[in-house]
């Protein structure tokens, strides 16, 4: 099983739902072997570019496997947790990436 990284990019909604989510999410993520490896706020000192507008916040979570990530999302104990994330954010982007030791496998696919 290879690790998976879930990249979360979002803006905070004008309510307290994400505060409530964040109080419980560390334990919920840890239950399935995940751990937050990076948190970030959009830097006002750095110009951004690309086709997608930048988001206010970034959370990067490492999961031991894709199955662990899916188990977190499907866990019935968290049925009331995920709506807090959804309601507490706007313009949410969530992608999962397989871990690479270097870029050669990706470059060789081209």
PDB file of N, CA and C in Angstrom:
ATOM      1  N   UNK A   1       0.836  -1.185   0.000  1.00  0.00           N
ATOM      2  CA  UNK A   1       0.000   0.000   0.000  1.00  0.00           C
ATOM      3  C   UNK A   1       0.881   1.248   0.000  1.00  0.00           C
ATOM      4  N   UNK A   2       0.593   2.131  -0.897  1.00  0.00           N
ATOM      5  CA  UNK A   2       1.363   3.367  -1.007  1.00  0.00           C
ATOM      6  C   UNK A   2       0.567   4.520  -0.406  1.00  0.00           C
ATOM      7  N   UNK A   3       1.276   5.458   0.205  1.00  0.00           N
ATOM      8  CA  UNK A   3       0.588   6.629   0.755  1.00  0.00           C
ATOM      9  C   UNK A   3      -0.107   7.444  -0.329  1.00  0.00           C
ATOM     10  N   UNK A   4      -1.139   8.153   0.104  1.00  0.00           N
ATOM     11  CA  UNK A   4      -1.907   9.064  -0.740  1.00  0.00           C
ATOM     12  C   UNK A   4      -1.940  10.407  -0.032  1.00  0.00           C
ATOM     13  N   UNK A   5      -1.820  11.477  -0.807  1.00  0.00           N
ATOM     14  CA  UNK A   5      -1.894  12.827  -0.247  1.00  0.00           C
ATOM     15  C   UNK A   5      -3.173  13.493  -0.730  1.00  0.00           C
ATOM     16  N   UNK A   6      -3.966  13.976   0.216  1.00  0.00           N
ATOM     17  CA  UNK A   6      -5.193  14.696  -0.121  1.00  0.00           C
ATOM     18  C   UNK A   6      -4.905  16.187   0.016  1.00  0.00           C
ATOM     19  N   UNK A   7      -5.004  16.892  -1.087  1.00  0.00           N
ATOM     20  CA  UNK A   7      -4.788  18.332  -1.128  1.00  0.00           C
ATOM     21  C   UNK A   7      -6.146  19.014  -1.090  1.00  0.00           C
ATOM     22  N   UNK A   8      -6.358  19.826  -0.064  1.00  0.00           N
ATOM     23  CA  UNK A   8      -7.612  20.549   0.136  1.00  0.00           C
ATOM     24  C   UNK A   8      -7.332  22.042  -0.029  1.00  0.00           C
ATOM     25  N   UNK A   9      -8.022  22.677  -0.943  1.00  0.00           N
ATOM     26  CA  UNK A   9      -7.902  24.119  -1.159  1.00  0.00           C
ATOM     27  C   UNK A   9      -9.295  24.716  -1.041  1.00  0.00           C
ATOM     28  N   UNK A  10      -9.436  25.798  -0.262  1.00  0.00           N
ATOM     29  CA  UNK A  10     -10.774  26.329  -0.038  1.00  0.00           C
ATOM     30  C   UNK A  10     -10.719  27.745   0.522  1.00  0.00           C
ATOM     31  N   UNK A  11     -11.884  28.391   0.459  1.00  0.00           N
ATOM     32  CA  UNK A  11     -12.129  29.657   1.146  1.00  0.00           C
ATOM     33  C   UNK A  11     -13.052  29.343   2.308  1.00  0.00           C
ATOM     34  N   UNK A  12     -12.900  30.051   3.403  1.00  0.00           N
ATOM     35  CA  UNK A  12     -13.787  29.864   4.542  1.00  0.00           C
ATOM     36  C   UNK A  12     -15.118  30.557   4.280  1.00  0.00           C
ATOM     37  N   UNK A  13     -16.202  29.879   4.626  1.00  0.00           N
ATOM     38  CA  UNK A  13     -17.544  30.460   4.508  1.00  0.00           C
ATOM     39  C   UNK A  13     -17.771  31.404   5.685  1.00  0.00           C
ATOM     40  N   UNK A  14     -18.695  32.339   5.550  1.00  0.00           N
ATOM     41  CA  UNK A  14     -18.955  33.304   6.621  1.00  0.00           C
ATOM     42  C   UNK A  14     -19.847  32.722   7.727  1.00  0.00           C
ATOM     43  N   UNK A  15     -19.397  31.608   8.315  1.00  0.00           N
ATOM     44  CA  UNK A  15     -20.096  30.980   9.438  1.00  0.00           C
ATOM     45  C   UNK A  15     -19.075  30.245  10.302  1.00  0.00           C
ATOM     46  N   UNK A  16     -19.514  29.542  11.322  1.00  0.00           N
ATOM     47  CA  UNK A  16     -18.604  28.840  12.232  1.00  0.00           C
ATOM     48  C   UNK A  16     -18.530  27.339  11.973  1.00  0.00           C
ATOM     49  N   UNK A  17     -19.078  26.868  10.853  1.00  0.00           N
ATOM     50  CA  UNK A  17     -19.077  25.431  10.574  1.00  0.00           C
ATOM     51  C   UNK A  17     -17.664  24.857  10.507  1.00  0.00           C
ATOM     52  N   UNK A  18     -16.732  25.562   9.853  1.00  0.00           N
ATOM     53  CA  UNK A  18     -15.385  24.992   9.730  1.00  0.00           C
ATOM     54  C   UNK A  18     -14.669  24.970  11.073  1.00  0.00           C
ATOM     55  N   UNK A  19     -14.956  25.925  11.944  1.00  0.00           N
ATOM     56  CA  UNK A  19     -14.392  25.872  13.306  1.00  0.00           C
ATOM     57  C   UNK A  19     -14.838  24.595  14.003  1.00  0.00           C
ATOM     58  N   UNK A  20     -16.122  24.277  13.903  1.00  0.00           N
ATOM     59  CA  UNK A  20     -16.647  23.054  14.500  1.00  0.00           C
ATOM     60  C   UNK A  20     -16.015  21.824  13.849  1.00  0.00           C
ATOM     61  N   UNK A  21     -15.838  21.857  12.530  1.00  0.00           N
ATOM     62  CA  UNK A  21     -15.197  20.745  11.820  1.00  0.00           C
ATOM     63  C   UNK A  21     -13.761  20.563  12.304  1.00  0.00           C
ATOM     64  N   UNK A  22     -13.021  21.647  12.413  1.00  0.00           N
ATOM     65  CA  UNK A  22     -11.605  21.541  12.766  1.00  0.00           C
ATOM     66  C   UNK A  22     -11.398  21.006  14.179  1.00  0.00           C
ATOM     67  N   UNK A  23     -12.335  21.243  15.085  1.00  0.00           N
ATOM     68  CA  UNK A  23     -12.220  20.716  16.446  1.00  0.00           C
ATOM     69  C   UNK A  23     -12.275  19.190  16.464  1.00  0.00           C
ATOM     70  N   UNK A  24     -12.993  18.611  15.524  1.00  0.00           N
ATOM     71  CA  UNK A  24     -13.178  17.159  15.501  1.00  0.00           C
ATOM     72  C   UNK A  24     -12.375  16.443  14.427  1.00  0.00           C
ATOM     73  N   UNK A  25     -11.903  17.166  13.437  1.00  0.00           N
ATOM     74  CA  UNK A  25     -11.324  16.506  12.265  1.00  0.00           C
ATOM     75  C   UNK A  25      -9.999  15.811  12.547  1.00  0.00           C
ATOM     76  N   UNK A  26      -9.179  16.329  13.456  1.00  0.00           N
ATOM     77  CA  UNK A  26      -7.881  15.685  13.727  1.00  0.00           C
ATOM     78  C   UNK A  26      -8.092  14.266  14.232  1.00  0.00           C
ATOM     79  N   UNK A  27      -9.008  14.089  15.176  1.00  0.00           N
ATOM     80  CA  UNK A  27      -9.285  12.738  15.682  1.00  0.00           C
ATOM     81  C   UNK A  27      -9.911  11.860  14.607  1.00  0.00           C
ATOM     82  N   UNK A  28     -10.815  12.428  13.814  1.00  0.00           N
ATOM     83  CA  UNK A  28     -11.478  11.655  12.758  1.00  0.00           C
ATOM     84  C   UNK A  28     -10.477  11.202  11.698  1.00  0.00           C
ATOM     85  N   UNK A  29      -9.570  12.093  11.316  1.00  0.00           N
ATOM     86  CA  UNK A  29      -8.535  11.756  10.334  1.00  0.00           C
ATOM     87  C   UNK A  29      -7.592  10.705  10.928  1.00  0.00           C
ATOM     88  N   UNK A  30      -7.172  10.911  12.184  1.00  0.00           N
ATOM     89  CA  UNK A  30      -6.262   9.981  12.841  1.00  0.00           C
ATOM     90  C   UNK A  30      -6.841   8.587  13.000  1.00  0.00           C
ATOM     91  N   UNK A  31      -8.142   8.492  13.163  1.00  0.00           N
ATOM     92  CA  UNK A  31      -8.803   7.193  13.303  1.00  0.00           C
ATOM     93  C   UNK A  31      -8.502   6.293  12.109  1.00  0.00           C
ATOM     94  N   UNK A  32      -8.293   6.894  10.935  1.00  0.00           N
ATOM     95  CA  UNK A  32      -8.039   6.124   9.713  1.00  0.00           C
ATOM     96  C   UNK A  32      -6.581   6.221   9.260  1.00  0.00           C
ATOM     97  N   UNK A  33      -5.711   6.658  10.171  1.00  0.00           N
ATOM     98  CA  UNK A  33      -4.281   6.682   9.872  1.00  0.00           C
ATOM     99  C   UNK A  33      -3.795   7.918   9.158  1.00  0.00           C
ATOM    100  N   UNK A  34      -4.663   8.892   8.953  1.00  0.00           N
ATOM    101  CA  UNK A  34      -4.249  10.119   8.277  1.00  0.00           C
ATOM    102  C   UNK A  34      -3.586  11.088   9.234  1.00  0.00           C
ATOM    103  N   UNK A  35      -2.800  11.972   8.660  1.00  0.00           N
ATOM    104  CA  UNK A  35      -2.180  13.033   9.469  1.00  0.00           C
ATOM    105  C   UNK A  35      -1.983  14.265   8.603  1.00  0.00           C
ATOM    106  N   UNK A  36      -2.247  15.403   9.205  1.00  0.00           N
ATOM    107  CA  UNK A  36      -2.048  16.667   8.494  1.00  0.00           C
ATOM    108  C   UNK A  36      -0.550  16.928   8.441  1.00  0.00           C
ATOM    109  N   UNK A  37      -0.020  17.100   7.235  1.00  0.00           N
ATOM    110  CA  UNK A  37       1.414  17.352   7.077  1.00  0.00           C
ATOM    111  C   UNK A  37       1.708  18.810   6.750  1.00  0.00           C
ATOM    112  N   UNK A  38       0.695  19.565   6.342  1.00  0.00           N
ATOM    113  CA  UNK A  38       0.911  20.987   6.052  1.00  0.00           C
ATOM    114  C   UNK A  38      -0.406  21.738   6.092  1.00  0.00           C
ATOM    115  N   UNK A  39      -0.331  22.934   6.637  1.00  0.00           N
ATOM    116  CA  UNK A  39      -1.424  23.897   6.622  1.00  0.00           C
ATOM    117  C   UNK A  39      -0.891  25.167   6.002  1.00  0.00           C
ATOM    118  N   UNK A  40      -1.700  25.863   5.252  1.00  0.00           N
ATOM    119  CA  UNK A  40      -1.214  27.095   4.642  1.00  0.00           C
ATOM    120  C   UNK A  40      -2.307  28.110   4.437  1.00  0.00           C
ATOM    121  N   UNK A  41      -1.886  29.366   4.412  1.00  0.00           N
ATOM    122  CA  UNK A  41      -2.769  30.482   4.081  1.00  0.00           C
ATOM    123  C   UNK A  41      -2.191  31.136   2.840  1.00  0.00           C
ATOM    124  N   UNK A  42      -3.060  31.566   1.947  1.00  0.00           N
ATOM    125  CA  UNK A  42      -2.613  32.204   0.716  1.00  0.00           C
ATOM    126  C   UNK A  42      -1.720  33.385   1.048  1.00  0.00           C
ATOM    127  N   UNK A  43      -0.552  33.397   0.471  1.00  0.00           N
ATOM    128  CA  UNK A  43       0.403  34.472   0.703  1.00  0.00           C
ATOM    129  C   UNK A  43       0.008  35.700  -0.102  1.00  0.00           C
ATOM    130  N   UNK A  44      -0.142  36.802   0.578  1.00  0.00           N
ATOM    131  CA  UNK A  44      -0.475  38.047  -0.109  1.00  0.00           C
ATOM    132  C   UNK A  44       0.739  38.633  -0.818  1.00  0.00           C
ATOM    133  N   UNK A  45       1.935  38.134  -0.470  1.00  0.00           N
ATOM    134  CA  UNK A  45       3.168  38.661  -1.056  1.00  0.00           C
ATOM    135  C   UNK A  45       3.583  37.937  -2.326  1.00  0.00           C
ATOM    136  N   UNK A  46       2.845  36.903  -2.691  1.00  0.00           N
ATOM    137  CA  UNK A  46       3.222  36.106  -3.853  1.00  0.00           C
ATOM    138  C   UNK A  46       2.124  36.187  -4.902  1.00  0.00           C
ATOM    139  N   UNK A  47       2.504  36.526  -6.096  1.00  0.00           N
ATOM    140  CA  UNK A  47       1.541  36.558  -7.196  1.00  0.00           C
ATOM    141  C   UNK A  47       1.178  35.130  -7.562  1.00  0.00           C
ATOM    142  N   UNK A  48      -0.082  34.894  -7.881  1.00  0.00           N
ATOM    143  CA  UNK A  48      -0.490  33.571  -8.316  1.00  0.00           C
ATOM    144  C   UNK A  48      -0.899  33.619  -9.777  1.00  0.00           C
ATOM    145  N   UNK A  49      -0.862  32.459 -10.392  1.00  0.00           N
ATOM    146  CA  UNK A  49      -1.236  32.381 -11.798  1.00  0.00           C
ATOM    147  C   UNK A  49      -1.960  31.071 -12.032  1.00  0.00           C
ATOM    148  N   UNK A  50      -2.542  30.945 -13.177  1.00  0.00           N
ATOM    149  CA  UNK A  50      -3.223  29.710 -13.533  1.00  0.00           C
ATOM    150  C   UNK A  50      -4.665  29.956 -13.908  1.00  0.00           C
ATOM    151  N   UNK A  51      -5.335  28.862 -14.272  1.00  0.00           N
ATOM    152  CA  UNK A  51      -6.715  28.937 -14.731  1.00  0.00           C
ATOM    153  C   UNK A  51      -7.723  28.941 -13.589  1.00  0.00           C
ATOM    154  N   UNK A  52      -7.295  28.533 -12.400  1.00  0.00           N
ATOM    155  CA  UNK A  52      -8.191  28.428 -11.253  1.00  0.00           C
ATOM    156  C   UNK A  52      -7.848  29.529 -10.267  1.00  0.00           C
ATOM    157  N   UNK A  53      -8.831  30.303  -9.826  1.00  0.00           N
ATOM    158  CA  UNK A  53      -8.534  31.351  -8.847  1.00  0.00           C
ATOM    159  C   UNK A  53      -7.955  30.752  -7.568  1.00  0.00           C
ATOM    160  N   UNK A  54      -7.038  31.448  -6.917  1.00  0.00           N
ATOM    161  CA  UNK A  54      -6.445  30.922  -5.682  1.00  0.00           C
ATOM    162  C   UNK A  54      -7.479  30.816  -4.573  1.00  0.00           C
ATOM    163  N   UNK A  55      -7.184  29.954  -3.624  1.00  0.00           N
ATOM    164  CA  UNK A  55      -8.040  29.762  -2.462  1.00  0.00           C
ATOM    165  C   UNK A  55      -7.339  30.321  -1.228  1.00  0.00           C
ATOM    166  N   UNK A  56      -8.110  30.648  -0.228  1.00  0.00           N
ATOM    167  CA  UNK A  56      -7.632  31.262   1.000  1.00  0.00           C
ATOM    168  C   UNK A  56      -6.791  30.301   1.853  1.00  0.00           C
ATOM    169  N   UNK A  57      -7.159  29.023   1.875  1.00  0.00           N
ATOM    170  CA  UNK A  57      -6.514  28.065   2.779  1.00  0.00           C
ATOM    171  C   UNK A  57      -6.124  26.791   2.043  1.00  0.00           C
ATOM    172  N   UNK A  58      -5.111  26.108   2.607  1.00  0.00           N
ATOM    173  CA  UNK A  58      -4.629  24.842   2.072  1.00  0.00           C
ATOM    174  C   UNK A  58      -4.385  23.893   3.240  1.00  0.00           C
ATOM    175  N   UNK A  59      -4.847  22.651   3.090  1.00  0.00           N
ATOM    176  CA  UNK A  59      -4.557  21.589   4.049  1.00  0.00           C
ATOM    177  C   UNK A  59      -4.075  20.387   3.241  1.00  0.00           C
ATOM    178  N   UNK A  60      -2.935  19.829   3.630  1.00  0.00           N
ATOM    179  CA  UNK A  60      -2.398  18.640   2.978  1.00  0.00           C
ATOM    180  C   UNK A  60      -2.394  17.507   4.005  1.00  0.00           C
ATOM    181  N   UNK A  61      -3.109  16.425   3.686  1.00  0.00           N
ATOM    182  CA  UNK A  61      -3.235  15.288   4.590  1.00  0.00           C
ATOM    183  C   UNK A  61      -2.591  14.067   3.943  1.00  0.00           C
ATOM    184  N   UNK A  62      -1.733  13.390   4.699  1.00  0.00           N
ATOM    185  CA  UNK A  62      -1.133  12.138   4.236  1.00  0.00           C
ATOM    186  C   UNK A  62      -1.951  10.976   4.787  1.00  0.00           C
ATOM    187  N   UNK A  63      -2.345  10.087   3.888  1.00  0.00           N
ATOM    188  CA  UNK A  63      -3.089   8.883   4.250  1.00  0.00           C
ATOM    189  C   UNK A  63      -2.206   7.675   3.965  1.00  0.00           C
ATOM    190  N   UNK A  64      -2.300   6.616   4.775  1.00  0.00           N
ATOM    191  CA  UNK A  64      -1.452   5.443   4.517  1.00  0.00           C
ATOM    192  C   UNK A  64      -1.775   4.744   3.205  1.00  0.00           C
ATOM    193  N   UNK A  65      -3.002   4.942   2.703  1.00  0.00           N
ATOM    194  CA  UNK A  65      -3.411   4.304   1.450  1.00  0.00           C
ATOM    195  C   UNK A  65      -4.680   4.977   0.941  1.00  0.00           C
ATOM    196  N   UNK A  66      -5.008   4.702  -0.299  1.00  0.00           N
ATOM    197  CA  UNK A  66      -6.266   5.202  -0.851  1.00  0.00           C
ATOM    198  C   UNK A  66      -7.452   4.599  -0.099  1.00  0.00           C
ATOM    199  N   UNK A  67      -7.317   3.350   0.340  1.00  0.00           N
ATOM    200  CA  UNK A  67      -8.397   2.692   1.084  1.00  0.00           C
ATOM    201  C   UNK A  67      -8.643   3.401   2.418  1.00  0.00           C
ATOM    202  N   UNK A  68      -7.595   3.851   3.076  1.00  0.00           N
ATOM    203  CA  UNK A  68      -7.750   4.579   4.345  1.00  0.00           C
ATOM    204  C   UNK A  68      -8.468   5.905   4.106  1.00  0.00           C
ATOM    205  N   UNK A  69      -8.117   6.587   3.022  1.00  0.00           N
ATOM    206  CA  UNK A  69      -8.772   7.850   2.681  1.00  0.00           C
ATOM    207  C   UNK A  69     -10.261   7.616   2.404  1.00  0.00           C
ATOM    208  N   UNK A  70     -10.566   6.578   1.649  1.00  0.00           N
ATOM    209  CA  UNK A  70     -11.964   6.259   1.344  1.00  0.00           C
ATOM    210  C   UNK A  70     -12.721   5.865   2.615  1.00  0.00           C
ATOM    211  N   UNK A  71     -12.050   5.142   3.527  1.00  0.00           N
ATOM    212  CA  UNK A  71     -12.690   4.746   4.783  1.00  0.00           C
ATOM    213  C   UNK A  71     -13.039   5.970   5.624  1.00  0.00           C
ATOM    214  N   UNK A  72     -12.168   6.964   5.631  1.00  0.00           N
ATOM    215  CA  UNK A  72     -12.453   8.215   6.337  1.00  0.00           C
ATOM    216  C   UNK A  72     -13.703   8.870   5.766  1.00  0.00           C
ATOM    217  N   UNK A  73     -13.770   8.967   4.447  1.00  0.00           N
ATOM    218  CA  UNK A  73     -14.903   9.641   3.814  1.00  0.00           C
ATOM    219  C   UNK A  73     -16.211   8.882   4.032  1.00  0.00           C
ATOM    220  N   UNK A  74     -16.147   7.547   4.115  1.00  0.00           N
ATOM    221  CA  UNK A  74     -17.351   6.725   4.219  1.00  0.00           C
ATOM    222  C   UNK A  74     -17.712   6.344   5.658  1.00  0.00           C
ATOM    223  N   UNK A  75     -16.909   6.708   6.627  1.00  0.00           N
ATOM    224  CA  UNK A  75     -17.121   6.301   8.016  1.00  0.00           C
ATOM    225  C   UNK A  75     -18.470   6.824   8.532  1.00  0.00           C
ATOM    226  N   UNK A  76     -19.383   5.934   8.920  1.00  0.00           N
ATOM    227  CA  UNK A  76     -20.689   6.392   9.409  1.00  0.00           C
ATOM    228  C   UNK A  76     -20.596   7.201  10.702  1.00  0.00           C
ATOM    229  N   UNK A  77     -19.521   7.034  11.451  1.00  0.00           N
ATOM    230  CA  UNK A  77     -19.326   7.840  12.663  1.00  0.00           C
ATOM    231  C   UNK A  77     -19.109   9.313  12.342  1.00  0.00           C
ATOM    232  N   UNK A  78     -18.782   9.610  11.073  1.00  0.00           N
ATOM    233  CA  UNK A  78     -18.513  10.988  10.664  1.00  0.00           C
ATOM    234  C   UNK A  78     -19.629  11.558   9.793  1.00  0.00           C
ATOM    235  N   UNK A  79     -20.773  10.914   9.821  1.00  0.00           N
ATOM    236  CA  UNK A  79     -21.887  11.358   8.994  1.00  0.00           C
ATOM    237  C   UNK A  79     -22.236  12.836   9.223  1.00  0.00           C
ATOM    238  N   UNK A  80     -22.121  13.280  10.472  1.00  0.00           N
ATOM    239  CA  UNK A  80     -22.430  14.673  10.793  1.00  0.00           C
ATOM    240  C   UNK A  80     -21.210  15.590  10.688  1.00  0.00           C
ATOM    241  N   UNK A  81     -20.023  15.008  10.461  1.00  0.00           N
ATOM    242  CA  UNK A  81     -18.794  15.802  10.388  1.00  0.00           C
ATOM    243  C   UNK A  81     -18.589  16.414   9.001  1.00  0.00           C
ATOM    244  N   UNK A  82     -18.726  15.630   7.968  1.00  0.00           N
ATOM    245  CA  UNK A  82     -18.461  16.114   6.615  1.00  0.00           C
ATOM    246  C   UNK A  82     -19.345  17.290   6.205  1.00  0.00           C
ATOM    247  N   UNK A  83     -20.618  17.326   6.611  1.00  0.00           N
ATOM    248  CA  UNK A  83     -21.424  18.518   6.290  1.00  0.00           C
ATOM    249  C   UNK A  83     -20.879  19.804   6.920  1.00  0.00           C
ATOM    250  N   UNK A  84     -20.183  19.700   8.044  1.00  0.00           N
ATOM    251  CA  UNK A  84     -19.567  20.890   8.639  1.00  0.00           C
ATOM    252  C   UNK A  84     -18.458  21.427   7.733  1.00  0.00           C
ATOM    253  N   UNK A  85     -17.661  20.516   7.160  1.00  0.00           N
ATOM    254  CA  UNK A  85     -16.610  20.932   6.218  1.00  0.00           C
ATOM    255  C   UNK A  85     -17.243  21.552   4.983  1.00  0.00           C
ATOM    256  N   UNK A  86     -18.258  20.902   4.473  1.00  0.00           N
ATOM    257  CA  UNK A  86     -18.908  21.385   3.257  1.00  0.00           C
ATOM    258  C   UNK A  86     -19.588  22.731   3.485  1.00  0.00           C
ATOM    259  N   UNK A  87     -20.269  22.886   4.616  1.00  0.00           N
ATOM    260  CA  UNK A  87     -20.956  24.131   4.906  1.00  0.00           C
ATOM    261  C   UNK A  87     -20.039  25.254   5.360  1.00  0.00           C
ATOM    262  N   UNK A  88     -18.868  24.875   5.863  1.00  0.00           N
ATOM    263  CA  UNK A  88     -17.928  25.864   6.385  1.00  0.00           C
ATOM    264  C   UNK A  88     -16.922  26.359   5.369  1.00  0.00           C
ATOM    265  N   UNK A  89     -17.044  25.876   4.136  1.00  0.00           N
ATOM    266  CA  UNK A  89     -16.098  26.279   3.099  1.00  0.00           C
ATOM    267  C   UNK A  89     -16.847  26.700   1.838  1.00  0.00           C
ATOM    268  N   UNK A  90     -16.130  27.416   1.005  1.00  0.00           N
ATOM    269  CA  UNK A  90     -16.625  27.794  -0.315  1.00  0.00           C
ATOM    270  C   UNK A  90     -15.522  27.530  -1.327  1.00  0.00           C
ATOM    271  N   UNK A  91     -15.912  27.285  -2.561  1.00  0.00           N
ATOM    272  CA  UNK A  91     -14.943  27.084  -3.653  1.00  0.00           C
ATOM    273  C   UNK A  91     -13.963  25.960  -3.313  1.00  0.00           C
ATOM    274  N   UNK A  92     -14.475  24.882  -2.758  1.00  0.00           N
ATOM    275  CA  UNK A  92     -13.657  23.778  -2.256  1.00  0.00           C
ATOM    276  C   UNK A  92     -13.093  22.951  -3.405  1.00  0.00           C
ATOM    277  N   UNK A  93     -11.815  22.672  -3.342  1.00  0.00           N
ATOM    278  CA  UNK A  93     -11.141  21.773  -4.276  1.00  0.00           C
ATOM    279  C   UNK A  93     -10.466  20.689  -3.446  1.00  0.00           C
ATOM    280  N   UNK A  94     -10.624  19.438  -3.853  1.00  0.00           N
ATOM    281  CA  UNK A  94     -10.079  18.326  -3.077  1.00  0.00           C
ATOM    282  C   UNK A  94      -9.568  17.290  -4.053  1.00  0.00           C
ATOM    283  N   UNK A  95      -8.275  17.085  -4.062  1.00  0.00           N
ATOM    284  CA  UNK A  95      -7.665  16.105  -4.957  1.00  0.00           C
ATOM    285  C   UNK A  95      -6.817  15.146  -4.146  1.00  0.00           C
ATOM    286  N   UNK A  96      -6.712  13.907  -4.617  1.00  0.00           N
ATOM    287  CA  UNK A  96      -5.843  12.908  -3.999  1.00  0.00           C
ATOM    288  C   UNK A  96      -4.714  12.582  -4.970  1.00  0.00           C
ATOM    289  N   UNK A  97      -3.497  12.509  -4.424  1.00  0.00           N
ATOM    290  CA  UNK A  97      -2.302  12.237  -5.225  1.00  0.00           C
ATOM    291  C   UNK A  97      -1.566  11.035  -4.653  1.00  0.00           C
ATOM    292  N   UNK A  98      -1.140  10.133  -5.537  1.00  0.00           N
ATOM    293  CA  UNK A  98      -0.290   9.030  -5.115  1.00  0.00           C
ATOM    294  C   UNK A  98       1.103   9.565  -4.822  1.00  0.00           C
ATOM    295  N   UNK A  99       1.761   8.969  -3.838  1.00  0.00           N
ATOM    296  CA  UNK A  99       3.109   9.400  -3.482  1.00  0.00           C
ATOM    297  C   UNK A  99       4.097   8.961  -4.559  1.00  0.00           C
ATOM    298  N   UNK A 100       4.999   9.870  -4.900  1.00  0.00           N
ATOM    299  CA  UNK A 100       6.110   9.580  -5.809  1.00  0.00           C
ATOM    300  C   UNK A 100       7.413   9.866  -5.084  1.00  0.00           C
ATOM    301  N   UNK A 101       8.403   9.046  -5.297  1.00  0.00           N
ATOM    302  CA  UNK A 101       9.731   9.310  -4.730  1.00  0.00           C
ATOM    303  C   UNK A 101      10.464  10.355  -5.558  1.00  0.00           C
ATOM    304  N   UNK A 102      10.154  10.388  -6.855  1.00  0.00           N
ATOM    305  CA  UNK A 102      10.683  11.414  -7.751  1.00  0.00           C
ATOM    306  C   UNK A 102       9.743  11.510  -8.944  1.00  0.00           C
ATOM    307  N   UNK A 103       9.982  12.432  -9.836  1.00  0.00           N
ATOM    308  CA  UNK A 103       9.057  12.665 -10.949  1.00  0.00           C
ATOM    309  C   UNK A 103       9.291  11.756 -12.161  1.00  0.00           C
ATOM    310  N   UNK A 104      10.331  10.935 -12.140  1.00  0.00           N
ATOM    311  CA  UNK A 104      10.623  10.102 -13.323  1.00  0.00           C
ATOM    312  C   UNK A 104       9.457   9.241 -13.778  1.00  0.00           C
ATOM    313  N   UNK A 105       8.739   8.558 -12.879  1.00  0.00           N
ATOM    314  CA  UNK A 105       7.607   7.751 -13.375  1.00  0.00           C
ATOM    315  C   UNK A 105       6.562   8.593 -14.097  1.00  0.00           C
ATOM    316  N   UNK A 106       6.317   9.767 -13.601  1.00  0.00           N
ATOM    317  CA  UNK A 106       5.360  10.664 -14.237  1.00  0.00           C
ATOM    318  C   UNK A 106       5.880  11.153 -15.582  1.00  0.00           C
ATOM    319  N   UNK A 107       7.136  11.515 -15.630  1.00  0.00           N
ATOM    320  CA  UNK A 107       7.745  12.010 -16.873  1.00  0.00           C
ATOM    321  C   UNK A 107       7.836  10.922 -17.930  1.00  0.00           C
ATOM    322  N   UNK A 108       8.041   9.670 -17.498  1.00  0.00           N
ATOM    323  CA  UNK A 108       8.157   8.561 -18.440  1.00  0.00           C
ATOM    324  C   UNK A 108       6.806   8.190 -19.059  1.00  0.00           C
ATOM    325  N   UNK A 109       5.699   8.626 -18.435  1.00  0.00           N
ATOM    326  CA  UNK A 109       4.365   8.347 -18.981  1.00  0.00           C
ATOM    327  C   UNK A 109       4.046   9.230 -20.173  1.00  0.00           C
ATOM    328  N   UNK A 110       4.848  10.222 -20.427  1.00  0.00           N
ATOM    329  CA  UNK A 110       4.565  11.187 -21.494  1.00  0.00           C
ATOM    330  C   UNK A 110       5.101  10.730 -22.811  1.00  0.00           C
TER     331      UNK A 110
END
